[in-house]
Amino acid sequence: MTGTVLILGGSGRFGSNAAEAFWNAGWRVRLFDRASGDLDAEAEGADVIVNGWNPAYPDWARDLPGQTRRLIEVARRSGATVLIPGNLYVYGAGSPEVLGVATPHRAENPLGRLRREMEETWRASGCRVILLRAGDFLDTRASGNWFDRMMAPKLPRGALTYPGNPDVPHAWAFLPDLARAAVALAERRVELPAFAEIPFPGITLTGREMAATLTSVMGREVRVRRMHWWPLRLAAPVWPMARHLLEMRYLWDMPHRIDPAPFETLLPGFASTPPEDALRVATAHLRAGTGSPRPAGARAVGRPA
């Protein structure tokens, strides 16, 4: 069941991939322009609203509560299902290795508490919500995520700069796969609970497994090099972003993977991209020495419908 989707944050990481996936699946795609758009007017007649808005870490406390309240108002008026990309921050340090729907949300750090509060507000809103929870992103272009900004720059010289313990599993989501999953769930929205929390299993790799896969991708040996955190500690007093990056450091040393069972029950035929192919796309710009292209066969997203 297709329809009309309104994408918020269509130029961002999740939003741009979601817009492309919905377009390719035959949906009518509206891209919201915050500079000139009327959110209430553009939400009218939309079947699904994708919340791809993601403020920078230092702006979460200021922006997230107001954005959430505003979108709840819009969703109530329009009757649209809201699709939200969730992360793992809500669980907090010391969580069990397998993270799923029944895993308690016990985060007490500032960013984790803000995400907990946001999700609790949506859960109590009465709106129809699909919360698609995933690990760290692997994108089709250099978009400023952990992988391309912190880990991958030295790959052409044979080094994967790893932020934590390279021997513990870490959850990743290849954004084109996550976006296709969003479309598939949106098309089954009437069958889902009013608040549907769905973990996306994605890709799980240790740092050493990632380096071994990248060895094949890059055509040369890739070794793990531990990232130095002391520059961020030095910068933290004057650079708020550094404080928040340090706050989330625990995720790189905490073994974790996402429980695949709920997702596989809902979408048993979903074909995920193999890790080697995902990393090949995510590093295309490094191997070519140019900006990274979209995957072959993808269609450009048109103007709002």
Protein backbone atom coordinates (compact mmCIF):
# COMPACT_ATOMS: atom_id res chain seq x y z
CA MET A 1 0.00 0.00 0.00
CA THR A 2 1.74 3.16 -1.23
CA GLY A 3 0.59 6.76 -0.87
CA THR A 4 2.02 10.20 -0.18
CA VAL A 5 5.02 10.69 2.09
CA LEU A 6 6.30 13.96 3.51
CA ILE A 7 10.03 13.90 4.18
CA LEU A 8 11.41 16.22 6.86
CA GLY A 9 15.17 16.67 6.57
CA GLY A 10 15.33 15.42 2.99
CA SER A 11 18.91 16.64 2.55
CA GLY A 12 20.17 14.78 5.62
CA ARG A 13 21.53 11.26 5.99
CA PHE A 14 18.38 9.30 6.75
CA GLY A 15 16.02 11.75 5.05
CA SER A 16 17.78 11.73 1.69
CA ASN A 17 18.01 7.94 1.60
CA ALA A 18 14.38 7.61 2.68
CA ALA A 19 13.22 10.06 -0.01
CA GLU A 20 15.04 8.04 -2.64
CA ALA A 21 13.67 4.72 -1.41
CA PHE A 22 10.06 5.96 -1.27
CA TRP A 23 10.43 7.51 -4.73
CA ASN A 24 11.83 4.28 -6.16
CA ALA A 25 8.94 2.32 -4.59
CA GLY A 26 6.35 4.45 -6.39
CA TRP A 27 5.26 6.79 -3.59
CA ARG A 28 4.39 10.45 -4.09
CA VAL A 29 7.24 12.24 -2.34
CA ARG A 30 7.02 15.69 -0.77
CA LEU A 31 10.24 17.28 0.46
CA PHE A 32 9.67 19.85 3.18
CA ASP A 33 11.68 23.07 2.93
CA ARG A 34 12.04 24.58 6.40
CA ALA A 35 13.03 27.94 4.92
CA SER A 36 9.80 28.45 2.98
CA GLY A 37 7.41 25.56 3.66
CA ASP A 38 4.16 25.49 5.63
CA LEU A 39 4.34 22.27 7.63
CA ASP A 40 0.61 22.02 8.34
CA ALA A 41 -0.29 22.61 4.69
CA GLU A 42 2.26 20.15 3.33
CA ALA A 43 1.27 17.47 5.85
CA GLU A 44 -2.35 17.65 4.72
CA GLY A 45 -3.14 14.54 2.71
CA ALA A 46 0.13 12.82 3.62
CA ASP A 47 -0.15 9.17 4.60
CA VAL A 48 3.30 9.05 6.21
CA ILE A 49 5.61 11.71 7.64
CA VAL A 50 9.29 10.74 7.84
CA ASN A 51 11.06 12.66 10.59
CA GLY A 52 14.56 13.03 9.21
CA TRP A 53 15.28 16.14 11.30
CA ASN A 54 18.38 15.59 13.42
CA PRO A 55 19.87 18.60 15.22
CA ALA A 56 23.56 18.61 16.09
CA TYR A 57 24.30 17.09 19.51
CA PRO A 58 24.77 20.48 21.26
CA ASP A 59 21.31 21.56 20.05
CA TRP A 60 19.35 18.50 21.20
CA ALA A 61 18.30 19.93 24.57
CA ARG A 62 17.10 23.13 22.94
CA ASP A 63 15.48 21.69 19.79
CA LEU A 64 14.24 18.12 20.35
CA PRO A 65 11.36 18.81 22.77
CA GLY A 66 9.92 21.62 20.62
CA GLN A 67 10.30 19.64 17.40
CA THR A 68 8.54 16.69 18.99
CA ARG A 69 5.62 18.78 20.23
CA ARG A 70 5.26 20.46 16.84
CA LEU A 71 5.25 17.19 14.90
CA ILE A 72 2.72 15.65 17.27
CA GLU A 73 0.40 18.58 16.56
CA VAL A 74 0.86 18.10 12.82
CA ALA A 75 0.40 14.33 12.99
CA ARG A 76 -2.80 14.68 14.99
CA ARG A 77 -4.26 17.12 12.47
CA SER A 78 -3.24 15.18 9.40
CA GLY A 79 -3.80 11.65 10.70
CA ALA A 80 -0.49 10.59 9.12
CA THR A 81 1.71 7.81 10.46
CA VAL A 82 5.03 9.24 11.66
CA LEU A 83 8.17 7.23 10.89
CA ILE A 84 11.10 7.99 13.19
CA PRO A 85 14.65 6.64 12.90
CA GLY A 86 15.58 5.55 16.41
CA ASN A 87 19.06 4.93 17.78
CA LEU A 88 20.61 2.88 20.58
CA TYR A 89 21.22 5.76 22.97
CA VAL A 90 18.11 5.01 25.04
CA TYR A 91 19.61 1.80 26.44
CA GLY A 92 22.60 3.35 28.18
CA ALA A 93 25.93 1.94 29.34
CA GLY A 94 25.99 -1.57 30.75
CA SER A 95 23.10 -2.85 28.63
CA PRO A 96 22.94 -6.52 27.59
CA GLU A 97 24.68 -7.50 24.39
CA VAL A 98 21.46 -8.27 22.50
CA LEU A 99 19.31 -5.14 22.27
CA GLY A 100 15.62 -5.51 21.48
CA VAL A 101 12.10 -4.34 22.16
CA ALA A 102 12.13 -5.74 25.72
CA THR A 103 15.50 -4.23 26.65
CA PRO A 104 14.99 -1.57 29.37
CA HIS A 105 15.68 2.05 28.48
CA ARG A 106 18.04 3.05 31.28
CA ALA A 107 20.27 5.72 29.75
CA GLU A 108 21.15 8.45 32.26
CA ASN A 109 23.63 10.45 30.20
CA PRO A 110 22.25 13.72 28.73
CA LEU A 111 21.83 12.57 25.12
CA GLY A 112 20.38 9.23 26.18
CA ARG A 113 17.85 10.89 28.50
CA LEU A 114 16.76 13.28 25.74
CA ARG A 115 16.11 10.38 23.38
CA ARG A 116 14.25 8.49 26.10
CA GLU A 117 12.04 11.50 26.77
CA MET A 118 11.39 12.02 23.07
CA GLU A 119 10.31 8.41 22.57
CA GLU A 120 8.15 8.43 25.71
CA THR A 121 6.41 11.57 24.45
CA TRP A 122 5.64 9.93 21.12
CA ARG A 123 4.46 6.75 22.81
CA ALA A 124 1.97 8.74 24.90
CA SER A 125 0.87 10.99 22.02
CA GLY A 126 -1.85 8.78 20.57
CA CYS A 127 -0.33 9.23 17.10
CA ARG A 128 0.47 6.30 14.85
CA VAL A 129 4.25 5.89 15.02
CA ILE A 130 6.80 3.54 13.47
CA LEU A 131 10.08 3.81 15.38
CA LEU A 132 12.74 2.01 13.34
CA ARG A 133 15.73 1.56 15.64
CA ALA A 134 19.20 1.07 14.16
CA GLY A 135 22.90 1.22 14.90
CA ASP A 136 25.51 3.61 13.50
CA PHE A 137 25.11 4.62 9.86
CA LEU A 138 27.04 3.57 6.78
CA ASP A 139 26.09 6.02 4.04
CA THR A 140 26.45 6.09 0.26
CA ARG A 141 28.45 9.32 0.49
CA ALA A 142 30.64 11.17 2.96
CA SER A 143 27.91 12.71 5.13
CA GLY A 144 29.72 13.40 8.39
CA ASN A 145 28.83 10.19 10.22
CA TRP A 146 31.17 8.31 12.55
CA PHE A 147 32.43 5.99 9.85
CA ASP A 148 33.35 8.47 7.15
CA ARG A 149 34.52 11.31 9.41
CA MET A 150 36.44 9.50 12.15
CA MET A 151 37.21 5.98 10.96
CA ALA A 152 37.68 5.90 7.20
CA PRO A 153 39.93 8.85 6.19
CA LYS A 154 43.17 6.84 6.51
CA LEU A 155 41.90 3.74 4.70
CA PRO A 156 43.83 4.61 1.50
CA ARG A 157 46.96 4.32 3.67
CA GLY A 158 45.83 1.00 5.11
CA ALA A 159 44.51 2.14 8.51
CA LEU A 160 41.03 1.88 10.01
CA THR A 161 40.91 4.38 12.88
CA TYR A 162 38.74 2.63 15.46
CA PRO A 163 37.16 4.56 18.37
CA GLY A 164 36.96 1.68 20.86
CA ASN A 165 37.72 -1.94 21.59
CA PRO A 166 38.17 -3.61 18.16
CA ASP A 167 37.28 -7.02 19.57
CA VAL A 168 33.67 -6.30 20.60
CA PRO A 169 30.68 -6.40 18.23
CA HIS A 170 29.14 -3.11 17.11
CA ALA A 171 25.83 -2.53 15.28
CA TRP A 172 25.72 -0.75 11.92
CA ALA A 173 22.97 0.15 9.47
CA PHE A 174 23.60 0.60 5.74
CA LEU A 175 21.33 3.55 5.00
CA PRO A 176 19.86 2.31 1.69
CA ASP A 177 18.82 -0.90 3.50
CA LEU A 178 17.37 1.04 6.43
CA ALA A 179 15.45 3.27 4.02
CA ARG A 180 14.05 0.27 2.11
CA ALA A 181 12.96 -1.21 5.43
CA ALA A 182 11.23 2.08 6.26
CA VAL A 183 9.29 1.90 3.00
CA ALA A 184 8.31 -1.75 3.54
CA LEU A 185 7.04 -1.00 7.04
CA ALA A 186 5.20 2.13 5.90
CA GLU A 187 3.40 0.01 3.32
CA ARG A 188 2.22 -2.27 6.14
CA ARG A 189 1.38 0.57 8.53
CA VAL A 190 -2.28 -0.38 9.04
CA GLU A 191 -1.23 -3.83 10.27
CA LEU A 192 1.17 -2.47 12.91
CA PRO A 193 0.43 -1.41 16.49
CA ALA A 194 -0.29 2.28 17.05
CA PHE A 195 3.25 2.65 18.42
CA ALA A 196 5.45 0.12 16.62
CA GLU A 197 9.03 -0.11 17.89
CA ILE A 198 10.96 -2.19 15.37
CA PRO A 199 14.69 -2.93 15.77
CA PHE A 200 16.61 -3.07 12.48
CA PRO A 201 19.27 -5.81 12.71
CA GLY A 202 21.56 -4.33 10.05
CA ILE A 203 25.22 -5.38 10.14
CA THR A 204 27.18 -6.45 13.22
CA LEU A 205 30.98 -6.37 13.05
CA THR A 206 33.87 -6.10 15.44
CA GLY A 207 36.53 -3.58 14.48
CA ARG A 208 38.84 -6.38 13.37
CA GLU A 209 36.10 -7.96 11.26
CA MET A 210 35.48 -4.59 9.64
CA ALA A 211 39.19 -4.19 8.92
CA ALA A 212 39.32 -7.67 7.37
CA THR A 213 36.33 -6.87 5.15
CA LEU A 214 37.86 -3.54 4.17
CA THR A 215 41.07 -5.34 3.22
CA SER A 216 39.11 -7.04 0.46
CA VAL A 217 37.28 -3.84 -0.49
CA MET A 218 40.35 -1.60 -0.62
CA GLY A 219 42.58 -4.15 -2.34
CA ARG A 220 45.29 -3.76 0.29
CA GLU A 221 45.81 -4.79 3.90
CA VAL A 222 43.86 -2.66 6.35
CA ARG A 223 45.00 -2.65 9.97
CA VAL A 224 43.11 -1.38 13.01
CA ARG A 225 44.56 1.75 14.57
CA ARG A 226 43.05 2.85 17.90
CA MET A 227 41.63 6.35 17.86
CA HIS A 228 43.09 8.86 20.31
CA TRP A 229 40.43 10.52 22.47
CA TRP A 230 42.70 13.01 24.21
CA PRO A 231 42.24 15.75 21.54
CA LEU A 232 38.50 15.68 22.27
CA ARG A 233 39.15 15.89 26.02
CA LEU A 234 41.35 18.93 25.45
CA ALA A 235 38.73 20.55 23.22
CA ALA A 236 35.74 19.75 25.44
CA PRO A 237 35.89 22.91 27.61
CA VAL A 238 35.48 25.16 24.56
CA TRP A 239 33.79 22.87 22.00
CA PRO A 240 30.40 21.48 23.08
CA MET A 241 30.39 18.83 20.34
CA ALA A 242 33.52 17.27 21.83
CA ARG A 243 31.76 16.86 25.18
CA HIS A 244 28.91 14.97 23.54
CA LEU A 245 31.22 12.77 21.47
CA LEU A 246 33.01 11.83 24.70
CA GLU A 247 29.64 11.19 26.33
CA MET A 248 28.84 8.50 23.74
CA ARG A 249 32.26 6.85 23.88
CA TYR A 250 30.88 3.93 25.89
CA LEU A 251 29.09 2.52 22.82
CA TRP A 252 32.45 1.71 21.23
CA ASP A 253 33.52 -0.48 24.15
CA MET A 254 30.12 -2.03 24.96
CA PRO A 255 29.47 -5.26 23.01
CA HIS A 256 26.10 -5.01 21.33
CA ARG A 257 24.00 -6.34 18.50
CA ILE A 258 20.35 -5.85 17.58
CA ASP A 259 17.81 -8.64 18.03
CA PRO A 260 16.73 -9.61 14.49
CA ALA A 261 13.60 -11.60 15.45
CA PRO A 262 10.91 -8.86 15.38
CA PHE A 263 12.12 -7.47 12.06
CA GLU A 264 12.40 -10.88 10.44
CA THR A 265 8.89 -11.75 11.60
CA LEU A 266 7.47 -8.63 9.96
CA LEU A 267 9.62 -8.68 6.80
CA PRO A 268 10.83 -12.27 6.33
CA GLY A 269 11.88 -11.77 2.72
CA PHE A 270 13.93 -8.62 3.29
CA ALA A 271 17.28 -8.87 1.45
CA SER A 272 20.06 -7.02 3.26
CA THR A 273 23.18 -5.82 1.50
CA PRO A 274 26.20 -7.98 2.40
CA PRO A 275 28.75 -6.17 4.61
CA GLU A 276 31.44 -6.19 1.91
CA ASP A 277 29.10 -4.58 -0.63
CA ALA A 278 27.90 -1.97 1.91
CA LEU A 279 31.47 -1.03 2.81
CA ARG A 280 32.40 -0.90 -0.86
CA VAL A 281 29.73 1.74 -1.45
CA ALA A 282 30.59 3.59 1.77
CA THR A 283 34.25 3.90 0.69
CA ALA A 284 33.71 4.58 -3.01
CA HIS A 285 34.79 8.21 -2.70
CA LEU A 286 38.06 7.18 -1.02
CA ARG A 287 38.93 4.64 -3.67
CA ALA A 288 37.99 6.95 -6.54
CA GLY A 289 39.40 10.10 -5.00
CA THR A 290 36.13 11.89 -5.81
CA GLY A 291 32.72 12.51 -4.30
CA SER A 292 30.88 9.25 -3.77
CA PRO A 293 28.05 8.38 -6.19
CA ARG A 294 24.72 6.87 -5.31
CA PRO A 295 24.49 3.10 -5.83
CA ALA A 296 23.98 2.00 -9.41
CA GLY A 297 20.35 1.90 -10.44
CA ALA A 298 19.06 4.44 -7.93
CA ARG A 299 16.80 7.17 -9.23
CA ALA A 300 17.08 10.82 -8.34
CA VAL A 301 14.38 12.26 -6.13
CA GLY A 302 12.09 14.75 -7.81
CA ARG A 303 10.52 17.90 -6.49
CA PRO A 304 7.68 17.63 -3.97
CA ALA A 305 4.47 16.06 -5.26
